[in-house]
C-alpha atoms as a PDB file:
ATOM      1  CA  MET A   1       4.816 -22.196 -17.691  1.00  0.00           C
ATOM      2  CA  PRO A   2       4.654 -19.245 -15.485  1.00  0.00           C
ATOM      3  CA  LYS A   3       2.249 -18.769 -13.344  1.00  0.00           C
ATOM      4  CA  PRO A   4       0.471 -15.290 -13.651  1.00  0.00           C
ATOM      5  CA  THR A   5       1.601 -12.568 -11.173  1.00  0.00           C
ATOM      6  CA  SER A   6      -0.745  -9.973  -9.227  1.00  0.00           C
ATOM      7  CA  LEU A   7       0.819  -6.938  -9.301  1.00  0.00           C
ATOM      8  CA  THR A   8       0.245  -4.192  -6.777  1.00  0.00           C
ATOM      9  CA  ARG A   9      -1.912  -1.588  -8.322  1.00  0.00           C
ATOM     10  CA  ILE A  10      -0.045   2.027  -8.813  1.00  0.00           C
ATOM     11  CA  GLY A  11      -1.160   4.518  -6.678  1.00  0.00           C
ATOM     12  CA  SER A  12      -1.449   1.850  -3.808  1.00  0.00           C
ATOM     13  CA  ASN A  13      -0.138   2.785  -0.332  1.00  0.00           C
ATOM     14  CA  VAL A  14       2.145  -0.185   0.696  1.00  0.00           C
ATOM     15  CA  LYS A  15       4.114  -1.087   3.512  1.00  0.00           C
ATOM     16  CA  ILE A  16       7.778  -2.327   3.451  1.00  0.00           C
ATOM     17  CA  ASN A  17       8.410  -5.630   4.899  1.00  0.00           C
ATOM     18  CA  LEU A  18      12.187  -4.698   6.818  1.00  0.00           C
ATOM     19  CA  GLU A  19      12.826  -8.198   7.574  1.00  0.00           C
ATOM     20  CA  ARG A  20      12.610  -9.074   3.791  1.00  0.00           C
ATOM     21  CA  VAL A  21      14.836  -6.291   2.686  1.00  0.00           C
ATOM     22  CA  ARG A  22      17.169  -5.874   5.373  1.00  0.00           C
ATOM     23  CA  ASP A  23      20.338  -7.827   3.856  1.00  0.00           C
ATOM     24  CA  ARG A  24      20.075  -5.964   0.734  1.00  0.00           C
ATOM     25  CA  ILE A  25      19.704  -2.462   1.288  1.00  0.00           C
ATOM     26  CA  PRO A  26      22.100   0.648   2.431  1.00  0.00           C
ATOM     27  CA  PRO A  27      22.129   1.139   5.929  1.00  0.00           C
ATOM     28  CA  GLY A  28      20.440   4.795   5.507  1.00  0.00           C
ATOM     29  CA  LEU A  29      17.391   3.384   3.865  1.00  0.00           C
ATOM     30  CA  ILE A  30      17.371   0.682   6.834  1.00  0.00           C
ATOM     31  CA  LYS A  31      17.151   3.461   9.154  1.00  0.00           C
ATOM     32  CA  GLN A  32      14.511   5.543   7.353  1.00  0.00           C
ATOM     33  CA  LEU A  33      12.432   2.786   6.939  1.00  0.00           C
ATOM     34  CA  SER A  34      12.775   1.428  10.478  1.00  0.00           C
ATOM     35  CA  GLU A  35      11.188   5.545  11.100  1.00  0.00           C
ATOM     36  CA  ASP A  36       8.159   5.065   8.519  1.00  0.00           C
ATOM     37  CA  PRO A  37       7.984   1.907   6.307  1.00  0.00           C
ATOM     38  CA  ARG A  38       5.242   3.531   4.144  1.00  0.00           C
ATOM     39  CA  GLY A  39       5.202   4.594   0.822  1.00  0.00           C
ATOM     40  CA  THR A  40       3.287   4.744  -2.399  1.00  0.00           C
ATOM     41  CA  VAL A  41       3.397   2.423  -5.715  1.00  0.00           C
ATOM     42  CA  MET A  42       4.781   4.599  -8.165  1.00  0.00           C
ATOM     43  CA  ASP A  43       5.916   2.178 -11.140  1.00  0.00           C
ATOM     44  CA  TYR A  44       7.033  -1.659 -12.212  1.00  0.00           C
ATOM     45  CA  LYS A  45      10.327  -2.253 -12.845  1.00  0.00           C
ATOM     46  CA  MET A  46      11.615  -5.270 -14.528  1.00  0.00           C
ATOM     47  CA  THR A  47      14.143  -6.820 -12.329  1.00  0.00           C
ATOM     48  CA  ASP A  48      15.798  -9.739 -14.551  1.00  0.00           C
ATOM     49  CA  GLY A  49      15.426 -11.746 -17.565  1.00  0.00           C
ATOM     50  CA  LYS A  50      13.359 -14.229 -16.145  1.00  0.00           C
ATOM     51  CA  GLY A  51      10.200 -12.254 -15.966  1.00  0.00           C
ATOM     52  CA  GLY A  52      10.905 -10.453 -12.322  1.00  0.00           C
ATOM     53  CA  ILE A  53       9.034  -7.495 -11.850  1.00  0.00           C
ATOM     54  CA  GLY A  54       9.455  -5.423  -8.724  1.00  0.00           C
ATOM     55  CA  VAL A  55       7.553  -2.218  -8.082  1.00  0.00           C
ATOM     56  CA  VAL A  56       8.996   1.731  -7.669  1.00  0.00           C
ATOM     57  CA  ILE A  57       7.795   3.219  -4.216  1.00  0.00           C
ATOM     58  CA  LYS A  58       7.978   6.753  -3.447  1.00  0.00           C
ATOM     59  CA  LEU A  59       8.793   6.987   0.252  1.00  0.00           C
ATOM     60  CA  LYS A  60       7.465   9.785   2.641  1.00  0.00           C
ATOM     61  CA  ASP A  61      10.922  11.972   1.969  1.00  0.00           C
ATOM     62  CA  GLY A  62      10.298  12.041  -1.911  1.00  0.00           C
ATOM     63  CA  SER A  63      12.990   9.038  -2.769  1.00  0.00           C
ATOM     64  CA  LYS A  64      12.179   6.598  -4.746  1.00  0.00           C
ATOM     65  CA  ASN A  65      13.492   2.927  -4.586  1.00  0.00           C
ATOM     66  CA  TRP A  66      12.550  -0.482  -5.923  1.00  0.00           C
ATOM     67  CA  PHE A  67      11.474  -3.520  -3.963  1.00  0.00           C
ATOM     68  CA  PHE A  68       9.990  -7.227  -4.991  1.00  0.00           C
ATOM     69  CA  GLU A  69       6.346  -7.553  -4.451  1.00  0.00           C
ATOM     70  CA  GLU A  70       6.943 -10.182  -1.833  1.00  0.00           C
ATOM     71  CA  GLU A  71       8.471  -7.572   0.168  1.00  0.00           C
ATOM     72  CA  ILE A  72       5.838  -5.228   0.314  1.00  0.00           C
ATOM     73  CA  SER A  73       2.029  -5.456   1.734  1.00  0.00           C
END
């Protein structure tokens, strides 16, 4: 049985861990997160058929990107 997941609340201010996302995001986003890795949780995103849930983060420039729960703090 899968263990329950505790999700970050919508509206929470979070920081993206650049070391955990560097290998999967485009260079422009890496540069943006290097300058300011903070954002606000806007929504949740189902990431795969195995129950993976990510969070949609709104960054300072207004763009929205999704990250896995373990990639933010």
